[in-house]
């Protein structure tokens, strides 16, 4: 079905929205209402890796509205009829989708006044992007966190609690978080980085026919995520980076996100991704891939100096490569593994 409005009508008429399966979700609906509010009407951008029936079922169960569209601009910005008919007030996406909307040159000509709040997941949301989007569109982006192994949501920034920019919120009902150091010791002190481990009814039983991988990931009921985070005094968690993305330069630990957040603060930068590149002296050096906003101009030297003025010198990029775009997955996540391969290629 290619007509988005017809697709919406088809789902509204679908018995799954009012049948026995919906009644069985009473507990989930109550939890969802605390998190999202009463029956949000949303635009859902369908990832290409999911089949349509599977995605329809997931969105129907959440009492959202499904759009059979894969084009972000068409679904969110250009389909005024869809928004007028359904008064869409919610949008969910990954950070690169918000970046696309933020930098879309014709966005101001579309009426998004009905949009009240948004959800971001799939990758950490750069703080500068969140603030700029909230201000431009007068909405509230709430960030969550989870993995396939946690079904997938594990924490969320609820609407009825104070928002902390950059936080993935608090663990959801029935789920526990803890932070551990490299030796597996539990970290109690606020602000100290450690690996997130998760325990709860949402955690997988194991990897299919991979007992060794299961034993490595699940220990005493706790799932090791591979993600580094901090926790503040109020119990809110803040993602620092993926453990495997850590750059070790001359014995100093550098989290790529720290450098990326600094680059995003530059008004000329549209996108940025940081990886480690091999270095015979330091072991690794900091390499930044940067996309410049249309109509702007910047040199690698200018961006390096910008970072050096705001970061410790050892954290600042040794090299900046200005590129037309960053490699992304079908759902818009930046593919760091592709950038790591490029890091082995001299510029």
C-alpha atoms as a PDB file:
ATOM      1  CA  UNK A   1       0.000   0.000   0.000  1.00  0.00           C
ATOM      2  CA  UNK A   2       1.756   3.173  -1.174  1.00  0.00           C
ATOM      3  CA  UNK A   3      -0.806   5.827  -0.169  1.00  0.00           C
ATOM      4  CA  UNK A   4       0.099   6.898   3.396  1.00  0.00           C
ATOM      5  CA  UNK A   5      -3.381   8.109   4.358  1.00  0.00           C
ATOM      6  CA  UNK A   6      -4.947   4.887   3.086  1.00  0.00           C
ATOM      7  CA  UNK A   7      -2.357   2.955   5.063  1.00  0.00           C
ATOM      8  CA  UNK A   8      -3.361   4.834   8.209  1.00  0.00           C
ATOM      9  CA  UNK A   9      -7.071   4.156   7.615  1.00  0.00           C
ATOM     10  CA  UNK A  10      -6.343   0.468   7.060  1.00  0.00           C
ATOM     11  CA  UNK A  11      -4.595   0.252  10.409  1.00  0.00           C
ATOM     12  CA  UNK A  12      -7.266   2.220  12.217  1.00  0.00           C
ATOM     13  CA  UNK A  13      -9.801  -0.294  10.955  1.00  0.00           C
ATOM     14  CA  UNK A  14      -7.581  -3.247  11.827  1.00  0.00           C
ATOM     15  CA  UNK A  15      -9.197  -5.420  14.500  1.00  0.00           C
ATOM     16  CA  UNK A  16      -5.840  -5.835  16.165  1.00  0.00           C
ATOM     17  CA  UNK A  17      -6.215  -2.347  17.600  1.00  0.00           C
ATOM     18  CA  UNK A  18      -9.407  -3.240  19.448  1.00  0.00           C
ATOM     19  CA  UNK A  19      -9.400  -7.052  19.687  1.00  0.00           C
ATOM     20  CA  UNK A  20      -8.412  -9.502  22.388  1.00  0.00           C
ATOM     21  CA  UNK A  21      -4.698  -8.933  21.851  1.00  0.00           C
ATOM     22  CA  UNK A  22      -5.105  -5.280  22.806  1.00  0.00           C
ATOM     23  CA  UNK A  23      -6.995  -6.227  25.974  1.00  0.00           C
ATOM     24  CA  UNK A  24      -4.128  -8.511  26.953  1.00  0.00           C
ATOM     25  CA  UNK A  25      -1.773  -5.533  26.943  1.00  0.00           C
ATOM     26  CA  UNK A  26      -3.510  -3.673  29.776  1.00  0.00           C
ATOM     27  CA  UNK A  27      -0.415  -3.658  32.017  1.00  0.00           C
ATOM     28  CA  UNK A  28       1.800  -2.570  29.148  1.00  0.00           C
ATOM     29  CA  UNK A  29      -0.657   0.144  28.168  1.00  0.00           C
ATOM     30  CA  UNK A  30      -0.632   1.586  31.661  1.00  0.00           C
ATOM     31  CA  UNK A  31       3.173   1.645  31.685  1.00  0.00           C
ATOM     32  CA  UNK A  32       3.193   3.196  28.208  1.00  0.00           C
ATOM     33  CA  UNK A  33       0.791   5.944  29.243  1.00  0.00           C
ATOM     34  CA  UNK A  34       3.066   6.914  32.118  1.00  0.00           C
ATOM     35  CA  UNK A  35       5.951   7.074  29.681  1.00  0.00           C
ATOM     36  CA  UNK A  36       4.322   8.478  26.549  1.00  0.00           C
ATOM     37  CA  UNK A  37       0.972   9.997  27.527  1.00  0.00           C
ATOM     38  CA  UNK A  38      -2.493   9.068  26.261  1.00  0.00           C
ATOM     39  CA  UNK A  39      -2.619   7.472  22.770  1.00  0.00           C
ATOM     40  CA  UNK A  40       0.001   9.421  20.843  1.00  0.00           C
ATOM     41  CA  UNK A  41      -0.535   9.733  17.092  1.00  0.00           C
ATOM     42  CA  UNK A  42       2.797   9.178  15.459  1.00  0.00           C
ATOM     43  CA  UNK A  43       4.723   8.925  12.244  1.00  0.00           C
ATOM     44  CA  UNK A  44       6.827   5.763  12.286  1.00  0.00           C
ATOM     45  CA  UNK A  45       9.685   5.527   9.792  1.00  0.00           C
ATOM     46  CA  UNK A  46       9.915   1.860   8.897  1.00  0.00           C
ATOM     47  CA  UNK A  47      13.452   0.398   8.975  1.00  0.00           C
ATOM     48  CA  UNK A  48      14.166  -1.555   5.813  1.00  0.00           C
ATOM     49  CA  UNK A  49      15.458  -4.514   7.822  1.00  0.00           C
ATOM     50  CA  UNK A  50      12.007  -5.300   9.272  1.00  0.00           C
ATOM     51  CA  UNK A  51       9.175  -6.937   7.399  1.00  0.00           C
ATOM     52  CA  UNK A  52       6.006  -4.906   7.157  1.00  0.00           C
ATOM     53  CA  UNK A  53       3.752  -7.384   9.055  1.00  0.00           C
ATOM     54  CA  UNK A  54       6.228  -7.593  11.927  1.00  0.00           C
ATOM     55  CA  UNK A  55       6.517  -3.823  12.199  1.00  0.00           C
ATOM     56  CA  UNK A  56       2.766  -3.255  11.900  1.00  0.00           C
ATOM     57  CA  UNK A  57       2.207  -5.682  14.764  1.00  0.00           C
ATOM     58  CA  UNK A  58       4.741  -3.943  17.002  1.00  0.00           C
ATOM     59  CA  UNK A  59       3.327  -0.479  16.390  1.00  0.00           C
ATOM     60  CA  UNK A  60      -0.277  -1.632  16.700  1.00  0.00           C
ATOM     61  CA  UNK A  61       0.482  -3.177  20.073  1.00  0.00           C
ATOM     62  CA  UNK A  62       1.825   0.197  21.227  1.00  0.00           C
ATOM     63  CA  UNK A  63      -1.369   1.872  19.973  1.00  0.00           C
ATOM     64  CA  UNK A  64       0.691   4.068  17.685  1.00  0.00           C
ATOM     65  CA  UNK A  65      -0.133   4.734  14.051  1.00  0.00           C
ATOM     66  CA  UNK A  66       1.884   3.052  11.308  1.00  0.00           C
ATOM     67  CA  UNK A  67       2.928   4.726   8.074  1.00  0.00           C
ATOM     68  CA  UNK A  68       3.986   2.520   5.170  1.00  0.00           C
ATOM     69  CA  UNK A  69       6.683   4.991   4.168  1.00  0.00           C
ATOM     70  CA  UNK A  70      10.436   4.720   4.057  1.00  0.00           C
ATOM     71  CA  UNK A  71      11.254   8.306   2.997  1.00  0.00           C
ATOM     72  CA  UNK A  72      11.910  10.554   5.985  1.00  0.00           C
ATOM     73  CA  UNK A  73      11.198  13.837   4.238  1.00  0.00           C
ATOM     74  CA  UNK A  74       7.982  12.581   2.626  1.00  0.00           C
ATOM     75  CA  UNK A  75       6.679  11.048   5.846  1.00  0.00           C
ATOM     76  CA  UNK A  76       7.530  13.837   8.249  1.00  0.00           C
ATOM     77  CA  UNK A  77       7.710  17.058   6.275  1.00  0.00           C
ATOM     78  CA  UNK A  78       5.971  16.847   2.918  1.00  0.00           C
ATOM     79  CA  UNK A  79       2.806  14.928   3.700  1.00  0.00           C
ATOM     80  CA  UNK A  80       0.649  17.784   4.989  1.00  0.00           C
ATOM     81  CA  UNK A  81      -2.521  15.771   4.306  1.00  0.00           C
ATOM     82  CA  UNK A  82      -1.363  13.033   6.650  1.00  0.00           C
ATOM     83  CA  UNK A  83      -0.690  15.506   9.470  1.00  0.00           C
ATOM     84  CA  UNK A  84      -3.960  17.402   8.946  1.00  0.00           C
ATOM     85  CA  UNK A  85      -6.055  14.220   9.012  1.00  0.00           C
ATOM     86  CA  UNK A  86      -4.413  12.659  12.058  1.00  0.00           C
ATOM     87  CA  UNK A  87      -2.999  15.657  13.939  1.00  0.00           C
ATOM     88  CA  UNK A  88       0.332  13.879  14.437  1.00  0.00           C
ATOM     89  CA  UNK A  89       1.945  14.919  17.712  1.00  0.00           C
ATOM     90  CA  UNK A  90       4.737  12.341  18.112  1.00  0.00           C
ATOM     91  CA  UNK A  91       7.794  11.321  16.118  1.00  0.00           C
ATOM     92  CA  UNK A  92      10.356   8.627  16.884  1.00  0.00           C
ATOM     93  CA  UNK A  93      13.693   8.190  15.137  1.00  0.00           C
ATOM     94  CA  UNK A  94      17.435   7.735  15.392  1.00  0.00           C
ATOM     95  CA  UNK A  95      19.751  10.767  15.855  1.00  0.00           C
ATOM     96  CA  UNK A  96      20.635  11.063  12.165  1.00  0.00           C
ATOM     97  CA  UNK A  97      16.931  11.505  11.342  1.00  0.00           C
ATOM     98  CA  UNK A  98      16.743  14.473  13.696  1.00  0.00           C
ATOM     99  CA  UNK A  99      19.905  15.856  12.151  1.00  0.00           C
ATOM    100  CA  UNK A 100      18.347  15.548   8.691  1.00  0.00           C
ATOM    101  CA  UNK A 101      15.241  17.439   9.839  1.00  0.00           C
ATOM    102  CA  UNK A 102      17.322  20.066  11.602  1.00  0.00           C
ATOM    103  CA  UNK A 103      19.397  20.787   8.500  1.00  0.00           C
ATOM    104  CA  UNK A 104      16.622  20.360   5.913  1.00  0.00           C
ATOM    105  CA  UNK A 105      16.685  23.708   4.039  1.00  0.00           C
ATOM    106  CA  UNK A 106      12.928  23.822   3.312  1.00  0.00           C
ATOM    107  CA  UNK A 107      11.723  22.755   6.756  1.00  0.00           C
ATOM    108  CA  UNK A 108      10.403  26.200   7.703  1.00  0.00           C
ATOM    109  CA  UNK A 109       7.689  26.087   5.047  1.00  0.00           C
ATOM    110  CA  UNK A 110       5.967  23.092   6.675  1.00  0.00           C
ATOM    111  CA  UNK A 111       3.608  23.276   9.627  1.00  0.00           C
ATOM    112  CA  UNK A 112       4.909  21.137  12.463  1.00  0.00           C
ATOM    113  CA  UNK A 113       3.042  22.994  15.202  1.00  0.00           C
ATOM    114  CA  UNK A 114       1.165  19.816  16.185  1.00  0.00           C
ATOM    115  CA  UNK A 115       4.409  18.004  17.023  1.00  0.00           C
ATOM    116  CA  UNK A 116       4.687  18.010  20.805  1.00  0.00           C
ATOM    117  CA  UNK A 117       7.431  15.563  21.668  1.00  0.00           C
ATOM    118  CA  UNK A 118       9.825  13.044  20.163  1.00  0.00           C
ATOM    119  CA  UNK A 119      11.775   9.935  21.091  1.00  0.00           C
ATOM    120  CA  UNK A 120      15.346   9.146  20.071  1.00  0.00           C
ATOM    121  CA  UNK A 121      17.142   5.808  20.270  1.00  0.00           C
ATOM    122  CA  UNK A 122      19.412   3.478  18.354  1.00  0.00           C
ATOM    123  CA  UNK A 123      22.515   5.590  19.031  1.00  0.00           C
ATOM    124  CA  UNK A 124      23.518   8.331  21.480  1.00  0.00           C
ATOM    125  CA  UNK A 125      21.924  11.693  20.645  1.00  0.00           C
ATOM    126  CA  UNK A 126      24.526  14.493  20.408  1.00  0.00           C
ATOM    127  CA  UNK A 127      23.632  17.095  23.028  1.00  0.00           C
ATOM    128  CA  UNK A 128      24.000  20.033  20.631  1.00  0.00           C
ATOM    129  CA  UNK A 129      21.653  18.383  18.122  1.00  0.00           C
ATOM    130  CA  UNK A 130      19.026  17.724  20.793  1.00  0.00           C
ATOM    131  CA  UNK A 131      19.133  21.295  22.071  1.00  0.00           C
ATOM    132  CA  UNK A 132      18.985  22.796  18.582  1.00  0.00           C
ATOM    133  CA  UNK A 133      16.086  20.548  17.542  1.00  0.00           C
ATOM    134  CA  UNK A 134      14.110  21.222  20.715  1.00  0.00           C
ATOM    135  CA  UNK A 135      14.553  24.962  20.212  1.00  0.00           C
ATOM    136  CA  UNK A 136      13.817  25.057  16.486  1.00  0.00           C
ATOM    137  CA  UNK A 137      10.712  22.865  16.543  1.00  0.00           C
ATOM    138  CA  UNK A 138       9.595  23.696  20.112  1.00  0.00           C
ATOM    139  CA  UNK A 139       9.384  20.041  21.078  1.00  0.00           C
ATOM    140  CA  UNK A 140      10.869  17.784  23.724  1.00  0.00           C
ATOM    141  CA  UNK A 141      13.104  14.913  22.599  1.00  0.00           C
ATOM    142  CA  UNK A 142      13.168  12.082  25.115  1.00  0.00           C
ATOM    143  CA  UNK A 143      16.076   9.667  24.856  1.00  0.00           C
ATOM    144  CA  UNK A 144      15.990   5.983  25.702  1.00  0.00           C
ATOM    145  CA  UNK A 145      18.381   3.063  25.615  1.00  0.00           C
ATOM    146  CA  UNK A 146      18.353  -0.648  24.982  1.00  0.00           C
ATOM    147  CA  UNK A 147      19.698  -3.499  22.899  1.00  0.00           C
ATOM    148  CA  UNK A 148      18.288  -6.434  20.963  1.00  0.00           C
ATOM    149  CA  UNK A 149      19.297  -8.570  23.924  1.00  0.00           C
ATOM    150  CA  UNK A 150      17.047  -6.485  26.216  1.00  0.00           C
ATOM    151  CA  UNK A 151      13.895  -6.727  24.081  1.00  0.00           C
ATOM    152  CA  UNK A 152      14.941  -3.865  23.323  1.00  0.00           C
ATOM    153  CA  UNK A 153      14.087  -0.980  25.696  1.00  0.00           C
ATOM    154  CA  UNK A 154      15.900  -0.961  29.039  1.00  0.00           C
ATOM    155  CA  UNK A 155      15.774   2.677  30.145  1.00  0.00           C
ATOM    156  CA  UNK A 156      13.854   5.783  29.188  1.00  0.00           C
ATOM    157  CA  UNK A 157      13.436   9.470  29.984  1.00  0.00           C
ATOM    158  CA  UNK A 158       9.829   9.608  31.164  1.00  0.00           C
ATOM    159  CA  UNK A 159       7.619  12.613  30.449  1.00  0.00           C
ATOM    160  CA  UNK A 160       6.527  13.000  34.067  1.00  0.00           C
ATOM    161  CA  UNK A 161      10.075  13.470  35.373  1.00  0.00           C
ATOM    162  CA  UNK A 162      12.620  16.230  34.826  1.00  0.00           C
ATOM    163  CA  UNK A 163      14.509  15.913  31.536  1.00  0.00           C
ATOM    164  CA  UNK A 164      18.284  15.801  31.680  1.00  0.00           C
ATOM    165  CA  UNK A 165      19.830  16.549  28.304  1.00  0.00           C
ATOM    166  CA  UNK A 166      22.222  13.793  27.289  1.00  0.00           C
ATOM    167  CA  UNK A 167      20.699  11.228  29.658  1.00  0.00           C
ATOM    168  CA  UNK A 168      19.122   7.913  28.662  1.00  0.00           C
ATOM    169  CA  UNK A 169      16.903   8.262  31.709  1.00  0.00           C
ATOM    170  CA  UNK A 170      16.137   5.659  34.339  1.00  0.00           C
ATOM    171  CA  UNK A 171      15.694   1.884  34.088  1.00  0.00           C
ATOM    172  CA  UNK A 172      12.145   0.932  33.105  1.00  0.00           C
ATOM    173  CA  UNK A 173       9.825  -1.077  35.344  1.00  0.00           C
ATOM    174  CA  UNK A 174      11.209  -4.472  36.331  1.00  0.00           C
ATOM    175  CA  UNK A 175      14.736  -3.705  35.109  1.00  0.00           C
ATOM    176  CA  UNK A 176      17.926  -3.113  37.102  1.00  0.00           C
ATOM    177  CA  UNK A 177      21.094  -1.321  35.979  1.00  0.00           C
ATOM    178  CA  UNK A 178      24.539  -1.329  37.503  1.00  0.00           C
ATOM    179  CA  UNK A 179      27.978  -0.091  36.456  1.00  0.00           C
ATOM    180  CA  UNK A 180      31.108  -2.239  36.800  1.00  0.00           C
ATOM    181  CA  UNK A 181      34.801  -1.619  36.246  1.00  0.00           C
ATOM    182  CA  UNK A 182      37.172  -3.742  34.159  1.00  0.00           C
ATOM    183  CA  UNK A 183      37.582  -6.199  37.055  1.00  0.00           C
ATOM    184  CA  UNK A 184      33.821  -6.610  37.484  1.00  0.00           C
ATOM    185  CA  UNK A 185      33.603  -4.537  40.673  1.00  0.00           C
ATOM    186  CA  UNK A 186      30.341  -2.618  41.106  1.00  0.00           C
ATOM    187  CA  UNK A 187      30.776   1.160  40.883  1.00  0.00           C
ATOM    188  CA  UNK A 188      28.761   3.149  43.417  1.00  0.00           C
ATOM    189  CA  UNK A 189      30.291   6.627  43.131  1.00  0.00           C
ATOM    190  CA  UNK A 190      28.267   9.069  40.952  1.00  0.00           C
ATOM    191  CA  UNK A 191      30.042  10.304  37.837  1.00  0.00           C
ATOM    192  CA  UNK A 192      32.459   7.371  37.583  1.00  0.00           C
ATOM    193  CA  UNK A 193      32.437   5.619  34.168  1.00  0.00           C
ATOM    194  CA  UNK A 194      31.745   1.912  34.024  1.00  0.00           C
ATOM    195  CA  UNK A 195      30.186  -0.745  31.823  1.00  0.00           C
ATOM    196  CA  UNK A 196      26.396  -1.003  31.980  1.00  0.00           C
ATOM    197  CA  UNK A 197      25.080  -4.381  33.108  1.00  0.00           C
ATOM    198  CA  UNK A 198      21.351  -5.105  32.960  1.00  0.00           C
ATOM    199  CA  UNK A 199      19.137  -7.554  34.844  1.00  0.00           C
ATOM    200  CA  UNK A 200      15.400  -8.050  34.411  1.00  0.00           C
ATOM    201  CA  UNK A 201      12.523  -9.823  32.717  1.00  0.00           C
ATOM    202  CA  UNK A 202      13.476  -8.192  29.412  1.00  0.00           C
ATOM    203  CA  UNK A 203      16.911  -9.808  29.150  1.00  0.00           C
ATOM    204  CA  UNK A 204      17.375 -12.622  26.641  1.00  0.00           C
ATOM    205  CA  UNK A 205      17.887 -16.235  27.675  1.00  0.00           C
ATOM    206  CA  UNK A 206      20.932 -16.551  25.435  1.00  0.00           C
ATOM    207  CA  UNK A 207      22.296 -16.527  21.916  1.00  0.00           C
ATOM    208  CA  UNK A 208      20.933 -19.248  19.658  1.00  0.00           C
ATOM    209  CA  UNK A 209      23.344 -22.194  19.603  1.00  0.00           C
ATOM    210  CA  UNK A 210      26.228 -19.991  20.841  1.00  0.00           C
ATOM    211  CA  UNK A 211      26.880 -21.175  24.413  1.00  0.00           C
ATOM    212  CA  UNK A 212      30.325 -19.556  24.632  1.00  0.00           C
ATOM    213  CA  UNK A 213      28.988 -16.137  23.596  1.00  0.00           C
ATOM    214  CA  UNK A 214      26.081 -16.550  26.025  1.00  0.00           C
ATOM    215  CA  UNK A 215      28.417 -17.371  28.917  1.00  0.00           C
ATOM    216  CA  UNK A 216      30.524 -14.310  28.090  1.00  0.00           C
ATOM    217  CA  UNK A 217      27.530 -11.944  27.958  1.00  0.00           C
ATOM    218  CA  UNK A 218      25.427 -13.321  30.846  1.00  0.00           C
ATOM    219  CA  UNK A 219      26.965 -13.728  34.282  1.00  0.00           C
ATOM    220  CA  UNK A 220      24.824 -14.412  37.354  1.00  0.00           C
ATOM    221  CA  UNK A 221      21.799 -13.057  35.547  1.00  0.00           C
ATOM    222  CA  UNK A 222      23.459  -9.780  34.548  1.00  0.00           C
ATOM    223  CA  UNK A 223      23.869  -8.935  30.857  1.00  0.00           C
ATOM    224  CA  UNK A 224      27.106  -7.153  29.938  1.00  0.00           C
ATOM    225  CA  UNK A 225      26.215  -4.502  27.343  1.00  0.00           C
ATOM    226  CA  UNK A 226      29.656  -3.311  26.282  1.00  0.00           C
ATOM    227  CA  UNK A 227      28.457   0.281  26.747  1.00  0.00           C
ATOM    228  CA  UNK A 228      30.252   2.704  29.061  1.00  0.00           C
ATOM    229  CA  UNK A 229      28.128   5.127  31.072  1.00  0.00           C
ATOM    230  CA  UNK A 230      28.059   7.294  34.167  1.00  0.00           C
ATOM    231  CA  UNK A 231      25.274   7.667  36.746  1.00  0.00           C
ATOM    232  CA  UNK A 232      24.455  10.898  38.545  1.00  0.00           C
ATOM    233  CA  UNK A 233      23.286  11.361  42.125  1.00  0.00           C
ATOM    234  CA  UNK A 234      19.633  11.118  41.028  1.00  0.00           C
ATOM    235  CA  UNK A 235      20.152   7.731  39.360  1.00  0.00           C
ATOM    236  CA  UNK A 236      20.055   9.017  35.770  1.00  0.00           C
ATOM    237  CA  UNK A 237      22.404   7.292  33.339  1.00  0.00           C
ATOM    238  CA  UNK A 238      24.539   8.984  30.679  1.00  0.00           C
ATOM    239  CA  UNK A 239      26.133   7.016  27.841  1.00  0.00           C
ATOM    240  CA  UNK A 240      29.823   7.755  27.410  1.00  0.00           C
ATOM    241  CA  UNK A 241      30.624   5.416  24.527  1.00  0.00           C
ATOM    242  CA  UNK A 242      30.908   1.838  23.345  1.00  0.00           C
ATOM    243  CA  UNK A 243      33.686  -0.018  25.127  1.00  0.00           C
ATOM    244  CA  UNK A 244      35.055  -1.255  21.809  1.00  0.00           C
ATOM    245  CA  UNK A 245      35.160   2.315  20.447  1.00  0.00           C
ATOM    246  CA  UNK A 246      37.520   3.516  23.177  1.00  0.00           C
ATOM    247  CA  UNK A 247      40.692   5.111  21.788  1.00  0.00           C
ATOM    248  CA  UNK A 248      43.874   4.544  23.800  1.00  0.00           C
ATOM    249  CA  UNK A 249      46.453   7.197  22.905  1.00  0.00           C
ATOM    250  CA  UNK A 250      49.781   6.818  24.681  1.00  0.00           C
ATOM    251  CA  UNK A 251      48.064   5.195  27.656  1.00  0.00           C
ATOM    252  CA  UNK A 252      45.282   7.810  27.895  1.00  0.00           C
ATOM    253  CA  UNK A 253      41.672   6.736  27.393  1.00  0.00           C
ATOM    254  CA  UNK A 254      39.711   8.875  24.928  1.00  0.00           C
ATOM    255  CA  UNK A 255      35.989   8.447  24.388  1.00  0.00           C
ATOM    256  CA  UNK A 256      35.032   9.383  20.809  1.00  0.00           C
ATOM    257  CA  UNK A 257      31.767  10.931  21.958  1.00  0.00           C
ATOM    258  CA  UNK A 258      33.636  13.626  23.917  1.00  0.00           C
ATOM    259  CA  UNK A 259      35.343  14.734  20.719  1.00  0.00           C
ATOM    260  CA  UNK A 260      32.182  14.411  18.614  1.00  0.00           C
ATOM    261  CA  UNK A 261      30.170  16.565  21.030  1.00  0.00           C
ATOM    262  CA  UNK A 262      32.856  19.247  20.726  1.00  0.00           C
ATOM    263  CA  UNK A 263      32.774  19.125  16.923  1.00  0.00           C
ATOM    264  CA  UNK A 264      28.969  19.350  16.909  1.00  0.00           C
ATOM    265  CA  UNK A 265      29.302  22.602  18.877  1.00  0.00           C
ATOM    266  CA  UNK A 266      30.943  24.138  15.798  1.00  0.00           C
ATOM    267  CA  UNK A 267      28.195  25.900  13.792  1.00  0.00           C
ATOM    268  CA  UNK A 268      29.773  24.800  10.501  1.00  0.00           C
ATOM    269  CA  UNK A 269      29.640  21.067  11.295  1.00  0.00           C
ATOM    270  CA  UNK A 270      26.689  18.986  10.090  1.00  0.00           C
ATOM    271  CA  UNK A 271      27.908  15.532  11.149  1.00  0.00           C
ATOM    272  CA  UNK A 272      30.957  14.118  12.892  1.00  0.00           C
ATOM    273  CA  UNK A 273      32.295  10.689  13.794  1.00  0.00           C
ATOM    274  CA  UNK A 274      35.547   9.903  15.583  1.00  0.00           C
ATOM    275  CA  UNK A 275      37.591   6.690  15.501  1.00  0.00           C
ATOM    276  CA  UNK A 276      41.088   5.610  16.422  1.00  0.00           C
ATOM    277  CA  UNK A 277      43.746   5.274  13.747  1.00  0.00           C
ATOM    278  CA  UNK A 278      46.972   3.276  14.100  1.00  0.00           C
ATOM    279  CA  UNK A 279      50.065   5.217  15.163  1.00  0.00           C
ATOM    280  CA  UNK A 280      53.568   3.725  15.566  1.00  0.00           C
ATOM    281  CA  UNK A 281      54.424   5.971  18.522  1.00  0.00           C
ATOM    282  CA  UNK A 282      51.158   6.484  20.430  1.00  0.00           C
ATOM    283  CA  UNK A 283      49.469   3.209  19.512  1.00  0.00           C
ATOM    284  CA  UNK A 284      46.381   5.100  18.369  1.00  0.00           C
ATOM    285  CA  UNK A 285      45.622   8.648  17.318  1.00  0.00           C
ATOM    286  CA  UNK A 286      42.312  10.489  17.120  1.00  0.00           C
ATOM    287  CA  UNK A 287      40.809  10.731  13.642  1.00  0.00           C
ATOM    288  CA  UNK A 288      37.656  12.728  12.958  1.00  0.00           C
ATOM    289  CA  UNK A 289      35.436  12.417   9.894  1.00  0.00           C
ATOM    290  CA  UNK A 290      33.416  15.610   9.434  1.00  0.00           C
ATOM    291  CA  UNK A 291      30.593  16.647   7.103  1.00  0.00           C
ATOM    292  CA  UNK A 292      30.297  20.416   6.647  1.00  0.00           C
ATOM    293  CA  UNK A 293      26.892  22.104   6.433  1.00  0.00           C
ATOM    294  CA  UNK A 294      25.773  23.251   2.970  1.00  0.00           C
ATOM    295  CA  UNK A 295      26.918  26.784   2.248  1.00  0.00           C
ATOM    296  CA  UNK A 296      29.658  26.653   4.882  1.00  0.00           C
ATOM    297  CA  UNK A 297      33.388  26.145   4.529  1.00  0.00           C
ATOM    298  CA  UNK A 298      35.976  24.920   7.004  1.00  0.00           C
ATOM    299  CA  UNK A 299      39.466  23.472   6.884  1.00  0.00           C
ATOM    300  CA  UNK A 300      40.808  20.516   8.887  1.00  0.00           C
ATOM    301  CA  UNK A 301      43.263  22.855  10.615  1.00  0.00           C
ATOM    302  CA  UNK A 302      40.415  25.154  11.678  1.00  0.00           C
ATOM    303  CA  UNK A 303      38.456  22.263  13.189  1.00  0.00           C
ATOM    304  CA  UNK A 304      41.507  20.879  14.994  1.00  0.00           C
ATOM    305  CA  UNK A 305      42.159  24.310  16.509  1.00  0.00           C
ATOM    306  CA  UNK A 306      38.484  24.522  17.535  1.00  0.00           C
ATOM    307  CA  UNK A 307      38.815  21.244  19.432  1.00  0.00           C
ATOM    308  CA  UNK A 308      42.153  22.158  21.008  1.00  0.00           C
ATOM    309  CA  UNK A 309      40.577  25.287  22.475  1.00  0.00           C
ATOM    310  CA  UNK A 310      37.894  23.195  24.201  1.00  0.00           C
ATOM    311  CA  UNK A 311      39.474  19.815  24.952  1.00  0.00           C
ATOM    312  CA  UNK A 312      42.609  18.550  26.622  1.00  0.00           C
ATOM    313  CA  UNK A 313      45.272  18.475  23.945  1.00  0.00           C
ATOM    314  CA  UNK A 314      45.651  14.686  24.048  1.00  0.00           C
ATOM    315  CA  UNK A 315      41.927  14.329  23.228  1.00  0.00           C
ATOM    316  CA  UNK A 316      41.955  16.664  20.234  1.00  0.00           C
ATOM    317  CA  UNK A 317      41.979  15.113  16.747  1.00  0.00           C
ATOM    318  CA  UNK A 318      45.386  14.577  15.225  1.00  0.00           C
ATOM    319  CA  UNK A 319      43.704  14.481  11.823  1.00  0.00           C
ATOM    320  CA  UNK A 320      40.363  15.685  10.450  1.00  0.00           C
ATOM    321  CA  UNK A 321      39.035  14.380   7.152  1.00  0.00           C
ATOM    322  CA  UNK A 322      36.259  16.420   5.580  1.00  0.00           C
ATOM    323  CA  UNK A 323      33.921  14.081   3.687  1.00  0.00           C
ATOM    324  CA  UNK A 324      30.670  14.550   1.733  1.00  0.00           C
ATOM    325  CA  UNK A 325      28.787  12.035   3.901  1.00  0.00           C
ATOM    326  CA  UNK A 326      29.199   9.377   6.584  1.00  0.00           C
ATOM    327  CA  UNK A 327      28.431   5.695   5.970  1.00  0.00           C
ATOM    328  CA  UNK A 328      25.126   4.687   7.551  1.00  0.00           C
ATOM    329  CA  UNK A 329      22.998   1.588   8.063  1.00  0.00           C
ATOM    330  CA  UNK A 330      19.461   1.301   6.598  1.00  0.00           C
ATOM    331  CA  UNK A 331      18.046   2.877   9.785  1.00  0.00           C
ATOM    332  CA  UNK A 332      20.528   5.750   9.800  1.00  0.00           C
ATOM    333  CA  UNK A 333      23.121   4.583  12.339  1.00  0.00           C
ATOM    334  CA  UNK A 334      26.677   5.674  11.545  1.00  0.00           C
ATOM    335  CA  UNK A 335      28.807   2.661  10.576  1.00  0.00           C
ATOM    336  CA  UNK A 336      31.977   3.071  12.591  1.00  0.00           C
ATOM    337  CA  UNK A 337      33.427  -0.204  11.328  1.00  0.00           C
ATOM    338  CA  UNK A 338      33.547   1.302   7.834  1.00  0.00           C
ATOM    339  CA  UNK A 339      35.272   4.381   9.203  1.00  0.00           C
ATOM    340  CA  UNK A 340      37.804   2.226  11.052  1.00  0.00           C
ATOM    341  CA  UNK A 341      38.696   0.587   7.755  1.00  0.00           C
ATOM    342  CA  UNK A 342      39.137   4.015   6.183  1.00  0.00           C
ATOM    343  CA  UNK A 343      41.313   5.016   9.134  1.00  0.00           C
ATOM    344  CA  UNK A 344      43.891   2.515   7.915  1.00  0.00           C
ATOM    345  CA  UNK A 345      44.014   4.304   4.561  1.00  0.00           C
ATOM    346  CA  UNK A 346      46.187   7.446   4.387  1.00  0.00           C
ATOM    347  CA  UNK A 347      44.245  10.594   3.502  1.00  0.00           C
END
